[in-house]
Amino acid sequence: MEHFVVSARKYRPQTFKDVVGQQAITNTLLNAIENNHLAQALLFTGPRGVGKTTCARILAKMINSDGTEKEDEDFAFNIFELDAASNNGVDQIRELTDQVRIPPQVGKYKVYIIDEVHMLSQAAFNAFLKTLEEPPKHCIFILATTEKHKIIPTILSRCQIFDFKRITVKDAKDYLKYIAEEQGIQAEDDALHIIAQKADGAMRDALSIFDRVVSFSGKNLTRQAVTENLNVLDYETYFTSTDYILENNIPSLLIQFNSILAKGFDGHHYIAGLASHFRDLLVCKNSETIDLLEVGEETKEKYLIQSKKTSQPFLLQGIEQANDCDLKYKSSKNQRLLVELCLMQLASITFDGEKKNSKNFIIPASYFIKKGITPVIVGVPDKIQSVAEETNQDTYNTIANQTQVINKPNVEVPEPKKIESPKITLNSGKTATSGLSLKSIKAKKEHQIKQMEVVIDEENLPKDLFTEEEFLYYWNIFIKQLEESGQFNLASILSIDTPKVEGTTIHLEFPNATNKVEVERQQYELMMFLKKSLNNYDIHLSIEINEEMEKQYAFTPLEKYLKLKEKNPNIELLKKTFGLDI
């Protein structure tokens, strides 16, 4: 049986032109050799499997070549490789420094390649400093490491540093395609793309995975074989999941997740992949960002097709929920339930084009579309109503989201002066309930909930100009209506101060915080009455507390006496003459 050589060794680059994905570094080294501008101490740093040691060997061979040597000459006598992981003591470094003084017998330079140099001990680094700073002319040091931060600064300052980058998915896939052609293997583009992604930027890892998958599938390398052998979820899994989510098909979605778990896949891996799938769909929504999609051409077409079925808000919310599930996964006691809950929430995002749990409608807009009823939008200009009758469902939903919709085909908006403000009955009796009673607090909560159910976009509503006289007219009408309905407490509070109008802001002053709280608690009725009466939905209320006003009111007998005395000083004479008491 012929001895098998792994692809990582068999296809190791022999020249700088063969090195994958490091063109900037290889061009720099070539120019340095041609211009005789090569430093005597070089540091190659970067992730594993990106070509650091390979470039060091190619460089060592090139600087000793003069064109007269044989093609298979490797200058083994001039190149010394030291593994610092196993030779990290000071004694090994001292032996190296002793050898440095001896010139090469063949070629021009002695090249010392020290791999995993960050593993050297502190004493070994210190013993190496002087030799590294002032090596002989015939000696060049090439240090390689994956963890530059572990090397002491005094070593770094003596080296010319080259940062190797991760191999891009495209470069790795192209090189794998070249190797597949060399070996006569029929490989699908998506299959090679998955291998390149799985390698995570390391060409050596990509070649190792390639050998493993070829051993499994033979001369025909398919995407299905790759996903099955590497135990990764196929793109089709996420395409199907997304279709179920868009269809709000929760049962099928949970069944699919159960089958994924039955195959041995981790739920954490699945939900993280789903978030990435939503991200890929999002970048497909814009032609400028489509280059960020790192998939094969065939799969890219599928992404483009499915991205048209989704909306940007849906994808953003989907990414947020999937990412939140990803963050909570490790700390969850019931991880399966966590993922299933996330999937059910994702499948509940949309329903007939609108939010399932939307609280912006008394009756959902889709109800009118299905029933063929033209909705009447209350409290907005006629032009918006005409748009609601003529536009399609998507445009109508946008408008309806900003307005209150009711199911009455023909509703006439009453004249402003005849509008009777909606009232909140705090109890069943005729007597008004105190603002501090339990019943009033409960009624306040119920009223706030009702307010939340109706959302009006005031930016699109009328903003007619009005005079201060017109405002005071409707202000007094509202106070009179309060008195007729038995709300004497609120009516008297609103009568304390005459409001001042500044633009669309109404300024009020009250003597204490109790009055302010009582007005703010029931300001919804007041503001809606004023806005509808004056046909201006930009009116705002500003309430301030002025403690000086409290002195204007007499509460105790003594205060009443002093007030009378200010108006008529003869009261004091009357009191003394008859010996009256207060």
Protein backbone atom coordinates (compact mmCIF):
# COMPACT_ATOMS: atom_id res chain seq x y z
CA MET A 1 0.00 0.00 0.00
CA GLU A 2 1.32 3.41 -0.96
CA HIS A 3 2.14 5.68 1.92
CA PHE A 4 -0.46 8.44 2.33
CA VAL A 5 0.74 12.01 2.84
CA VAL A 6 -1.76 14.44 4.32
CA SER A 7 -2.66 17.42 2.15
CA ALA A 8 -1.26 19.90 4.66
CA ARG A 9 2.24 18.44 4.02
CA LYS A 10 1.81 17.40 0.41
CA TYR A 11 0.63 20.83 -0.71
CA ARG A 12 2.80 22.93 1.63
CA PRO A 13 3.85 26.01 -0.40
CA GLN A 14 7.42 25.97 -1.74
CA THR A 15 7.49 29.59 -2.91
CA PHE A 16 5.92 32.83 -1.74
CA LYS A 17 3.56 32.75 -4.75
CA ASP A 18 1.98 29.55 -3.40
CA VAL A 19 1.22 31.03 0.03
CA VAL A 20 -2.54 31.58 0.42
CA GLY A 21 -4.02 34.82 1.76
CA GLN A 22 -0.82 36.57 2.90
CA GLN A 23 0.04 38.60 -0.20
CA ALA A 24 0.96 41.73 1.76
CA ILE A 25 3.57 39.91 3.86
CA THR A 26 5.02 37.81 1.02
CA ASN A 27 5.38 40.89 -1.22
CA THR A 28 7.14 42.76 1.61
CA LEU A 29 9.60 39.91 2.16
CA LEU A 30 10.30 39.58 -1.59
CA ASN A 31 11.02 43.29 -1.89
CA ALA A 32 13.25 43.18 1.20
CA ILE A 33 15.32 40.34 -0.34
CA GLU A 34 15.62 42.06 -3.72
CA ASN A 35 16.61 45.41 -2.19
CA ASN A 36 18.91 43.85 0.43
CA HIS A 37 16.78 45.41 3.14
CA LEU A 38 16.06 42.38 5.30
CA ALA A 39 16.19 42.72 9.09
CA GLN A 40 18.27 40.24 11.09
CA ALA A 41 15.46 39.53 13.57
CA LEU A 42 11.93 38.86 12.35
CA LEU A 43 8.81 38.00 14.34
CA PHE A 44 5.98 36.19 12.56
CA THR A 45 2.77 36.33 14.62
CA GLY A 46 -0.80 35.29 13.89
CA PRO A 47 -3.40 32.49 14.31
CA ARG A 48 -2.52 28.84 13.84
CA GLY A 49 -2.29 27.35 10.36
CA VAL A 50 -1.94 30.60 8.39
CA GLY A 51 1.60 30.07 7.05
CA LYS A 52 4.06 31.46 9.62
CA THR A 53 6.48 28.51 9.68
CA THR A 54 6.04 27.94 5.95
CA CYS A 55 7.00 31.53 5.15
CA ALA A 56 9.97 31.26 7.51
CA ARG A 57 11.26 28.18 5.64
CA ILE A 58 10.71 29.76 2.23
CA LEU A 59 12.52 32.91 3.37
CA ALA A 60 15.44 30.88 4.76
CA LYS A 61 15.77 29.03 1.46
CA MET A 62 15.50 32.16 -0.71
CA ILE A 63 18.15 34.23 1.07
CA ASN A 64 20.69 31.40 0.54
CA SER A 65 19.83 30.88 -3.13
CA ASP A 66 22.09 32.37 -5.80
CA GLY A 67 20.69 30.54 -8.84
CA THR A 68 23.45 27.95 -9.12
CA GLU A 69 22.06 25.39 -6.69
CA LYS A 70 19.91 22.39 -7.51
CA GLU A 71 16.12 22.68 -7.52
CA ASP A 72 15.76 20.28 -4.60
CA GLU A 73 18.42 22.02 -2.52
CA ASP A 74 16.93 22.81 0.90
CA PHE A 75 20.05 24.19 2.63
CA ALA A 76 19.43 21.90 5.59
CA PHE A 77 22.89 22.68 7.01
CA ASN A 78 22.08 26.38 7.16
CA ILE A 79 18.55 26.21 8.61
CA PHE A 80 18.05 25.40 12.28
CA GLU A 81 14.54 24.94 13.68
CA LEU A 82 14.05 25.10 17.42
CA ASP A 83 10.76 24.17 19.10
CA ALA A 84 10.57 26.53 22.08
CA ALA A 85 7.69 24.54 23.56
CA SER A 86 10.06 21.66 24.42
CA ASN A 87 13.37 23.56 24.45
CA ASN A 88 12.46 26.53 26.57
CA GLY A 89 15.32 26.52 29.09
CA VAL A 90 18.27 28.84 29.36
CA ASP A 91 20.73 26.02 28.53
CA GLN A 92 19.22 25.48 25.07
CA ILE A 93 19.47 29.20 24.33
CA ARG A 94 23.10 29.27 25.42
CA GLU A 95 23.87 26.38 23.05
CA LEU A 96 22.17 28.32 20.28
CA THR A 97 24.19 31.47 20.96
CA ASP A 98 27.40 29.41 20.85
CA GLN A 99 26.49 28.04 17.42
CA VAL A 100 25.68 31.50 16.09
CA ARG A 101 29.35 32.51 16.05
CA ILE A 102 30.27 29.80 13.50
CA PRO A 103 29.75 31.00 9.87
CA PRO A 104 27.86 28.80 7.34
CA GLN A 105 29.79 26.30 5.23
CA VAL A 106 27.34 26.50 2.31
CA GLY A 107 25.37 29.57 1.36
CA LYS A 108 25.43 33.07 2.83
CA TYR A 109 23.30 32.92 5.97
CA LYS A 110 22.53 30.79 8.93
CA VAL A 111 18.80 30.99 9.68
CA TYR A 112 17.42 30.11 13.11
CA ILE A 113 13.67 29.50 13.16
CA ILE A 114 12.33 29.45 16.73
CA ASP A 115 8.71 28.21 16.75
CA GLU A 116 6.28 28.97 19.63
CA VAL A 117 8.81 31.47 20.97
CA HIS A 118 6.37 32.70 23.63
CA MET A 119 7.01 29.42 25.50
CA LEU A 120 10.58 30.44 26.41
CA SER A 121 11.20 31.05 30.10
CA GLN A 122 12.05 34.47 31.48
CA ALA A 123 15.70 33.45 31.97
CA ALA A 124 15.90 32.13 28.40
CA PHE A 125 14.53 35.41 27.05
CA ASN A 126 17.11 37.37 29.02
CA ALA A 127 19.94 35.11 27.77
CA PHE A 128 18.73 35.65 24.21
CA LEU A 129 18.50 39.46 24.33
CA LYS A 130 22.11 40.42 23.53
CA THR A 131 22.48 37.93 20.68
CA LEU A 132 19.14 39.01 19.19
CA GLU A 133 20.10 42.68 19.29
CA GLU A 134 23.58 42.31 17.77
CA PRO A 135 23.75 39.01 15.83
CA PRO A 136 26.65 38.24 13.47
CA LYS A 137 26.25 39.39 9.85
CA HIS A 138 25.77 35.85 8.65
CA CYS A 139 22.92 35.08 11.06
CA ILE A 140 19.17 35.77 10.80
CA PHE A 141 16.59 34.91 13.48
CA ILE A 142 12.94 34.22 12.60
CA LEU A 143 10.64 33.90 15.60
CA ALA A 144 7.11 32.49 15.21
CA THR A 145 4.28 32.65 17.75
CA THR A 146 0.53 32.60 18.07
CA GLU A 147 0.54 34.70 21.27
CA LYS A 148 2.54 37.87 20.77
CA HIS A 149 1.29 39.39 24.02
CA LYS A 150 3.26 36.79 26.02
CA ILE A 151 6.60 37.92 24.60
CA ILE A 152 8.47 40.44 26.73
CA PRO A 153 8.68 43.99 25.27
CA THR A 154 12.48 43.94 25.14
CA ILE A 155 12.28 41.08 22.61
CA LEU A 156 9.53 42.75 20.58
CA SER A 157 11.51 45.99 20.29
CA ARG A 158 14.44 44.11 18.72
CA CYS A 159 12.33 42.42 16.00
CA GLN A 160 10.65 43.45 12.78
CA ILE A 161 7.07 42.25 13.34
CA PHE A 162 4.85 40.70 10.64
CA ASP A 163 1.21 40.11 11.60
CA PHE A 164 -0.31 37.22 9.67
CA LYS A 165 -4.08 37.46 9.16
CA ARG A 166 -6.70 34.73 9.09
CA ILE A 167 -7.32 33.13 5.72
CA THR A 168 -10.58 34.43 4.27
CA VAL A 169 -13.32 31.96 3.41
CA LYS A 170 -13.02 32.81 -0.29
CA ASP A 171 -9.25 32.25 -0.40
CA ALA A 172 -9.52 28.97 1.50
CA LYS A 173 -12.33 27.76 -0.77
CA ASP A 174 -10.38 28.62 -3.92
CA TYR A 175 -7.32 26.74 -2.68
CA LEU A 176 -9.42 23.71 -1.74
CA LYS A 177 -10.95 23.80 -5.22
CA TYR A 178 -7.45 23.76 -6.72
CA ILE A 179 -6.45 20.75 -4.58
CA ALA A 180 -9.68 18.92 -5.48
CA GLU A 181 -8.93 19.39 -9.17
CA GLU A 182 -5.36 18.15 -8.62
CA GLN A 183 -6.69 14.97 -6.99
CA GLY A 184 -9.48 14.45 -9.53
CA ILE A 185 -12.28 14.98 -6.97
CA GLN A 186 -15.69 16.33 -8.00
CA ALA A 187 -16.53 18.83 -5.27
CA GLU A 188 -19.64 20.99 -4.94
CA ASP A 189 -19.00 24.69 -4.40
CA ASP A 190 -21.16 24.76 -1.25
CA ALA A 191 -19.34 21.73 0.17
CA LEU A 192 -15.96 23.46 -0.14
CA HIS A 193 -17.49 26.63 1.31
CA ILE A 194 -18.68 24.80 4.42
CA ILE A 195 -15.19 23.30 4.92
CA ALA A 196 -13.63 26.76 4.57
CA GLN A 197 -16.06 28.19 7.13
CA LYS A 198 -15.46 25.32 9.54
CA ALA A 199 -11.68 25.92 9.35
CA ASP A 200 -12.19 29.38 10.89
CA GLY A 201 -9.35 31.07 9.00
CA ALA A 202 -6.74 28.29 9.35
CA MET A 203 -5.59 26.77 6.04
CA ARG A 204 -4.04 23.76 7.77
CA ASP A 205 -7.35 22.99 9.48
CA ALA A 206 -9.16 23.32 6.15
CA LEU A 207 -6.83 20.79 4.53
CA SER A 208 -7.23 18.37 7.45
CA ILE A 209 -11.03 18.61 7.22
CA PHE A 210 -10.82 18.17 3.45
CA ASP A 211 -8.83 14.92 3.85
CA ARG A 212 -11.32 13.61 6.39
CA VAL A 213 -14.37 14.34 4.25
CA VAL A 214 -12.74 12.87 1.14
CA SER A 215 -12.05 9.67 3.08
CA PHE A 216 -15.76 9.57 3.95
CA SER A 217 -17.31 10.45 0.58
CA GLY A 218 -14.70 9.36 -1.97
CA LYS A 219 -14.28 11.17 -5.26
CA ASN A 220 -17.67 12.91 -5.11
CA LEU A 221 -17.72 15.63 -2.46
CA THR A 222 -21.28 16.83 -1.80
CA ARG A 223 -22.71 19.34 0.61
CA GLN A 224 -24.80 16.65 2.30
CA ALA A 225 -21.71 14.48 2.87
CA VAL A 226 -19.80 17.40 4.35
CA THR A 227 -22.59 18.42 6.76
CA GLU A 228 -23.12 14.82 7.81
CA ASN A 229 -19.43 14.14 8.41
CA LEU A 230 -18.67 17.44 10.15
CA ASN A 231 -21.84 17.29 12.25
CA VAL A 232 -22.91 20.79 11.25
CA LEU A 233 -26.41 22.01 10.50
CA ASP A 234 -27.07 22.52 6.81
CA TYR A 235 -28.30 25.82 5.36
CA GLU A 236 -31.55 24.04 4.45
CA THR A 237 -32.32 23.54 8.14
CA TYR A 238 -32.41 27.27 8.75
CA PHE A 239 -34.27 28.02 5.52
CA THR A 240 -36.97 25.57 6.63
CA SER A 241 -37.06 27.01 10.16
CA THR A 242 -37.47 30.52 8.81
CA ASP A 243 -40.31 29.42 6.53
CA TYR A 244 -42.11 27.89 9.52
CA ILE A 245 -41.60 31.09 11.51
CA LEU A 246 -42.96 33.26 8.70
CA GLU A 247 -45.98 30.93 8.41
CA ASN A 248 -46.52 31.06 12.21
CA ASN A 249 -46.40 27.25 12.10
CA ILE A 250 -45.37 26.58 15.71
CA PRO A 251 -46.09 22.79 15.73
CA SER A 252 -43.89 22.09 12.68
CA LEU A 253 -41.17 24.34 14.10
CA LEU A 254 -41.09 22.43 17.41
CA ILE A 255 -41.12 19.07 15.61
CA GLN A 256 -38.17 20.17 13.47
CA PHE A 257 -36.24 21.28 16.58
CA ASN A 258 -36.96 17.91 18.20
CA SER A 259 -35.56 16.08 15.16
CA ILE A 260 -32.44 18.27 15.29
CA LEU A 261 -31.87 17.31 18.93
CA ALA A 262 -32.51 13.63 18.07
CA LYS A 263 -29.64 13.78 15.56
CA GLY A 264 -27.27 14.80 18.34
CA PHE A 265 -27.01 18.51 17.63
CA ASP A 266 -26.80 21.01 20.46
CA GLY A 267 -29.69 23.45 20.97
CA HIS A 268 -27.17 26.21 21.66
CA HIS A 269 -25.53 25.64 18.29
CA TYR A 270 -28.93 25.68 16.57
CA ILE A 271 -30.19 28.96 18.07
CA ALA A 272 -26.85 30.70 17.44
CA GLY A 273 -26.98 29.52 13.83
CA LEU A 274 -30.55 30.81 13.50
CA ALA A 275 -29.43 34.27 14.64
CA SER A 276 -26.64 34.16 12.04
CA HIS A 277 -29.18 33.10 9.41
CA PHE A 278 -31.35 36.13 10.22
CA ARG A 279 -28.24 38.31 9.96
CA ASP A 280 -27.47 36.88 6.52
CA LEU A 281 -31.05 37.56 5.40
CA LEU A 282 -30.72 41.12 6.69
CA VAL A 283 -27.56 41.85 4.69
CA CYS A 284 -29.38 40.55 1.58
CA LYS A 285 -31.98 43.31 1.95
CA ASN A 286 -29.50 45.90 0.68
CA SER A 287 -27.37 45.59 -2.44
CA GLU A 288 -24.51 47.44 -0.71
CA THR A 289 -24.20 44.87 2.09
CA ILE A 290 -24.78 41.72 0.06
CA ASP A 291 -21.00 41.24 -0.23
CA LEU A 292 -20.97 40.49 3.51
CA LEU A 293 -22.77 37.22 2.76
CA GLU A 294 -20.08 34.51 2.76
CA VAL A 295 -21.84 31.61 1.03
CA GLY A 296 -21.72 29.87 -2.33
CA GLU A 297 -23.49 31.26 -5.38
CA GLU A 298 -26.27 28.66 -5.28
CA THR A 299 -26.96 29.31 -1.60
CA LYS A 300 -26.78 33.07 -2.15
CA GLU A 301 -29.72 32.83 -4.54
CA LYS A 302 -31.77 31.06 -1.87
CA TYR A 303 -30.92 33.80 0.63
CA LEU A 304 -32.02 36.48 -1.83
CA ILE A 305 -35.34 34.72 -2.45
CA GLN A 306 -36.13 34.25 1.25
CA SER A 307 -35.01 37.77 2.18
CA LYS A 308 -37.79 39.13 -0.05
CA LYS A 309 -40.36 37.29 2.09
CA THR A 310 -39.14 38.99 5.28
CA SER A 311 -39.22 42.55 6.55
CA GLN A 312 -36.40 44.43 8.21
CA PRO A 313 -38.27 44.95 11.53
CA PHE A 314 -39.01 41.20 11.67
CA LEU A 315 -35.35 40.30 11.10
CA LEU A 316 -34.11 42.81 13.67
CA GLN A 317 -36.52 41.50 16.30
CA GLY A 318 -35.65 37.91 15.34
CA ILE A 319 -31.92 38.56 15.77
CA GLU A 320 -32.56 40.24 19.13
CA GLN A 321 -34.66 37.37 20.49
CA ALA A 322 -32.33 34.63 19.19
CA ASN A 323 -29.29 36.45 20.57
CA ASP A 324 -31.02 36.88 23.94
CA CYS A 325 -31.71 33.12 24.01
CA ASP A 326 -28.06 32.50 23.12
CA LEU A 327 -26.89 34.60 26.08
CA LYS A 328 -29.25 32.88 28.54
CA TYR A 329 -28.60 29.33 27.32
CA LYS A 330 -25.67 28.38 29.57
CA SER A 331 -27.32 29.70 32.74
CA SER A 332 -30.71 28.10 32.02
CA LYS A 333 -31.83 25.07 34.05
CA ASN A 334 -34.16 23.89 31.26
CA GLN A 335 -32.26 24.67 28.07
CA ARG A 336 -34.63 22.87 25.72
CA LEU A 337 -37.61 24.81 27.03
CA LEU A 338 -35.66 28.05 26.65
CA VAL A 339 -35.02 27.40 22.94
CA GLU A 340 -38.61 26.20 22.35
CA LEU A 341 -39.97 29.33 24.03
CA CYS A 342 -37.73 31.47 21.82
CA LEU A 343 -38.97 29.67 18.71
CA MET A 344 -42.60 30.12 19.73
CA GLN A 345 -42.00 33.84 20.29
CA LEU A 346 -40.33 34.12 16.89
CA ALA A 347 -43.26 32.38 15.23
CA SER A 348 -45.65 34.79 16.98
CA ILE A 349 -43.98 37.99 15.79
CA THR A 350 -46.18 38.45 12.74
CA PHE A 351 -49.77 37.56 11.96
CA ASP A 352 -51.41 38.75 8.75
CA GLY A 353 -48.77 41.43 8.43
CA GLU A 354 -49.21 43.01 11.87
CA LYS A 355 -48.25 42.41 15.46
CA LYS A 356 -50.18 39.63 17.14
CA ASN A 357 -50.05 41.28 20.55
CA SER A 358 -50.54 44.82 19.30
CA LYS A 359 -52.43 47.03 21.73
CA ASN A 360 -52.75 49.94 19.33
CA PHE A 361 -56.21 48.91 18.11
CA ILE A 362 -59.65 48.51 19.59
CA ILE A 363 -60.36 46.34 16.53
CA PRO A 364 -57.38 45.11 14.46
CA ALA A 365 -57.02 46.68 11.03
CA SER A 366 -56.89 43.26 9.37
CA TYR A 367 -60.49 42.64 10.50
CA PHE A 368 -61.77 45.40 8.21
CA ILE A 369 -59.66 44.19 5.29
CA LYS A 370 -61.05 40.65 5.58
CA LYS A 371 -64.64 41.85 6.00
CA GLY A 372 -64.41 44.37 3.17
CA ILE A 373 -65.41 47.24 5.48
CA THR A 374 -64.04 50.73 4.84
CA PRO A 375 -62.87 51.95 8.25
CA VAL A 376 -63.55 55.46 9.50
CA ILE A 377 -60.62 57.09 11.23
CA VAL A 378 -61.84 59.40 13.99
CA GLY A 379 -60.16 62.65 14.83
CA VAL A 380 -57.90 62.98 11.76
CA PRO A 381 -58.13 65.09 8.58
CA ASP A 382 -60.31 63.93 5.70
CA LYS A 383 -57.29 63.36 3.45
CA ILE A 384 -56.12 60.51 5.68
CA GLN A 385 -59.57 58.93 5.56
CA SER A 386 -59.54 59.10 1.76
CA VAL A 387 -56.17 57.42 1.68
CA ALA A 388 -57.52 54.64 3.88
CA GLU A 389 -60.27 54.01 1.32
CA GLU A 390 -58.03 54.00 -1.75
CA THR A 391 -54.72 52.52 -0.64
CA ASN A 392 -53.72 48.85 -0.38
CA GLN A 393 -53.52 46.83 2.82
CA ASP A 394 -49.86 47.64 3.63
CA THR A 395 -50.40 51.39 3.36
CA TYR A 396 -53.59 51.17 5.35
CA ASN A 397 -51.89 49.20 8.11
CA THR A 398 -49.25 51.93 8.37
CA ILE A 399 -51.93 54.61 8.76
CA ALA A 400 -54.07 52.51 11.06
CA ASN A 401 -51.12 51.89 13.34
CA GLN A 402 -51.09 55.61 14.10
CA THR A 403 -54.81 56.14 14.62
CA GLN A 404 -57.86 54.87 16.47
CA VAL A 405 -60.09 52.65 14.29
CA ILE A 406 -63.74 51.83 15.03
CA ASN A 407 -66.15 49.55 13.18
CA LYS A 408 -68.77 52.11 12.16
CA PRO A 409 -68.97 52.84 8.44
CA ASN A 410 -70.58 56.26 8.82
CA VAL A 411 -69.65 58.23 11.92
CA GLU A 412 -70.09 62.01 12.07
CA VAL A 413 -67.65 63.90 14.23
CA PRO A 414 -69.73 66.25 16.48
CA GLU A 415 -69.18 69.99 16.58
CA PRO A 416 -66.44 71.02 19.01
CA LYS A 417 -68.72 73.08 21.24
CA LYS A 418 -71.15 70.18 21.71
CA ILE A 419 -68.52 67.54 22.51
CA GLU A 420 -69.05 66.02 25.89
CA SER A 421 -65.79 64.78 27.35
CA PRO A 422 -65.52 61.09 28.30
CA LYS A 423 -65.95 60.65 32.02
CA ILE A 424 -64.50 58.13 34.42
CA THR A 425 -66.96 57.08 37.11
CA LEU A 426 -65.06 56.23 40.25
CA ASN A 427 -68.10 54.95 42.18
CA SER A 428 -71.74 54.21 41.58
CA GLY A 429 -73.05 56.99 43.84
CA LYS A 430 -73.63 60.64 43.06
CA THR A 431 -70.95 61.92 45.41
CA ALA A 432 -67.51 62.40 43.87
CA THR A 433 -64.82 60.12 45.30
CA SER A 434 -61.80 61.61 47.00
CA GLY A 435 -58.58 61.57 44.99
CA LEU A 436 -56.87 59.68 47.82
CA SER A 437 -59.41 56.88 48.22
CA LEU A 438 -58.75 53.27 47.27
CA LYS A 439 -61.59 53.37 44.77
CA SER A 440 -60.12 56.38 43.02
CA ILE A 441 -56.70 54.72 42.81
CA LYS A 442 -58.26 51.62 41.29
CA ALA A 443 -60.24 53.73 38.85
CA LYS A 444 -57.10 55.62 37.94
CA LYS A 445 -55.31 52.37 37.07
CA GLU A 446 -58.25 51.22 34.94
CA HIS A 447 -58.32 54.58 33.21
CA GLN A 448 -54.59 54.40 32.43
CA ILE A 449 -55.05 50.95 30.92
CA LYS A 450 -57.86 52.28 28.71
CA GLN A 451 -55.63 55.14 27.60
CA MET A 452 -52.92 52.68 26.62
CA GLU A 453 -55.31 50.82 24.34
CA VAL A 454 -55.83 53.87 22.11
CA VAL A 455 -52.79 55.46 20.51
CA ILE A 456 -53.21 58.63 18.46
CA ASP A 457 -50.41 60.06 16.38
CA GLU A 458 -50.82 63.75 17.18
CA GLU A 459 -48.23 64.82 14.60
CA ASN A 460 -50.72 64.20 11.78
CA LEU A 461 -53.71 65.81 13.56
CA PRO A 462 -54.99 69.43 13.22
CA LYS A 463 -53.13 72.31 14.88
CA ASP A 464 -55.47 75.28 14.30
CA LEU A 465 -54.55 78.63 15.84
CA PHE A 466 -56.72 79.96 18.67
CA THR A 467 -56.95 83.10 20.79
CA GLU A 468 -56.77 83.33 24.57
CA GLU A 469 -60.42 84.42 24.68
CA GLU A 470 -61.49 81.28 22.78
CA PHE A 471 -59.45 79.13 25.13
CA LEU A 472 -60.94 80.70 28.29
CA TYR A 473 -64.41 80.25 26.83
CA TYR A 474 -64.01 76.47 26.51
CA TRP A 475 -62.10 76.34 29.82
CA ASN A 476 -65.12 77.79 31.65
CA ILE A 477 -67.48 75.46 29.76
CA PHE A 478 -65.47 72.46 30.99
CA ILE A 479 -65.60 73.74 34.60
CA LYS A 480 -69.37 74.19 34.29
CA GLN A 481 -69.74 70.62 32.96
CA LEU A 482 -67.77 69.35 35.97
CA GLU A 483 -70.13 71.15 38.35
CA GLU A 484 -73.20 69.77 36.55
CA SER A 485 -71.78 66.23 36.83
CA GLY A 486 -71.10 66.62 40.56
CA GLN A 487 -67.30 66.89 40.37
CA PHE A 488 -67.18 70.02 42.53
CA ASN A 489 -63.73 69.29 43.94
CA LEU A 490 -61.99 69.33 40.55
CA ALA A 491 -64.10 72.28 39.38
CA SER A 492 -63.07 74.36 42.39
CA ILE A 493 -59.39 73.46 41.90
CA LEU A 494 -59.50 74.53 38.24
CA SER A 495 -61.13 77.81 39.33
CA ILE A 496 -58.25 78.72 41.70
CA ASP A 497 -56.09 80.21 38.96
CA THR A 498 -56.82 81.75 35.58
CA PRO A 499 -54.71 79.82 33.04
CA LYS A 500 -52.15 81.70 30.95
CA VAL A 501 -51.68 80.76 27.29
CA GLU A 502 -48.20 80.77 25.77
CA GLY A 503 -48.32 79.40 22.23
CA THR A 504 -49.84 75.93 22.69
CA THR A 505 -48.72 75.58 26.33
CA ILE A 506 -51.25 76.20 29.10
CA HIS A 507 -49.64 77.44 32.34
CA LEU A 508 -51.40 76.85 35.68
CA GLU A 509 -50.33 77.71 39.22
CA PHE A 510 -51.65 76.01 42.37
CA PRO A 511 -50.90 76.73 46.04
CA ASN A 512 -49.95 73.14 46.95
CA ALA A 513 -48.96 69.74 45.50
CA THR A 514 -52.33 68.15 46.36
CA ASN A 515 -54.12 70.34 43.84
CA LYS A 516 -51.47 69.59 41.21
CA VAL A 517 -51.76 65.81 41.68
CA GLU A 518 -55.58 65.95 41.48
CA VAL A 519 -55.49 67.86 38.17
CA GLU A 520 -52.76 65.66 36.66
CA ARG A 521 -54.76 62.56 37.60
CA GLN A 522 -57.74 63.70 35.56
CA GLN A 523 -56.02 65.84 32.94
CA TYR A 524 -56.82 63.36 30.13
CA GLU A 525 -60.50 64.43 30.09
CA LEU A 526 -59.57 68.10 30.26
CA MET A 527 -56.96 67.97 27.49
CA MET A 528 -59.10 65.89 25.13
CA PHE A 529 -61.99 68.34 25.57
CA LEU A 530 -59.77 71.35 24.86
CA LYS A 531 -57.99 69.72 21.91
CA LYS A 532 -61.25 68.72 20.20
CA SER A 533 -63.00 72.01 20.99
CA LEU A 534 -60.14 74.19 19.70
CA ASN A 535 -59.22 71.73 16.91
CA ASN A 536 -55.59 71.82 18.01
CA TYR A 537 -53.90 68.58 19.13
CA ASP A 538 -50.62 70.25 20.05
CA ILE A 539 -51.91 71.72 23.34
CA HIS A 540 -49.85 70.89 26.44
CA LEU A 541 -50.42 71.53 30.13
CA SER A 542 -47.76 72.95 32.47
CA ILE A 543 -48.55 73.00 36.20
CA GLU A 544 -46.42 74.79 38.79
CA ILE A 545 -46.71 75.16 42.57
CA ASN A 546 -46.69 78.70 44.02
CA GLU A 547 -46.75 78.63 47.82
CA GLU A 548 -47.38 82.38 47.94
CA MET A 549 -50.87 81.75 46.57
CA GLU A 550 -51.78 79.77 49.70
CA LYS A 551 -51.53 82.94 51.74
CA GLN A 552 -54.38 84.43 49.71
CA TYR A 553 -56.86 81.95 51.18
CA ALA A 554 -58.20 82.04 54.74
CA PHE A 555 -58.76 78.70 56.42
CA THR A 556 -58.63 79.19 60.24
CA PRO A 557 -60.82 81.71 62.22
CA LEU A 558 -57.75 83.85 62.89
CA GLU A 559 -56.86 83.96 59.19
CA LYS A 560 -60.44 84.94 58.36
CA TYR A 561 -60.33 87.72 60.99
CA LEU A 562 -57.05 89.08 59.61
CA LYS A 563 -58.49 89.08 56.11
CA LEU A 564 -61.54 91.07 57.27
CA LYS A 565 -59.26 93.47 59.17
CA GLU A 566 -57.29 94.19 55.99
CA LYS A 567 -60.50 95.11 54.18
CA ASN A 568 -62.03 97.15 57.09
CA PRO A 569 -59.76 98.34 59.98
CA ASN A 570 -62.87 99.27 62.01
CA ILE A 571 -63.29 95.56 62.75
CA GLU A 572 -60.53 95.91 65.38
CA LEU A 573 -62.42 98.82 67.06
CA LEU A 574 -65.61 96.76 67.10
CA LYS A 575 -63.77 93.83 68.72
CA LYS A 576 -62.30 96.00 71.51
CA THR A 577 -65.54 97.92 72.16
CA PHE A 578 -67.67 94.83 72.73
CA GLY A 579 -64.87 92.54 74.04
CA LEU A 580 -65.41 90.01 71.25
CA ASP A 581 -63.42 86.81 70.90
CA ILE A 582 -62.24 85.20 67.69
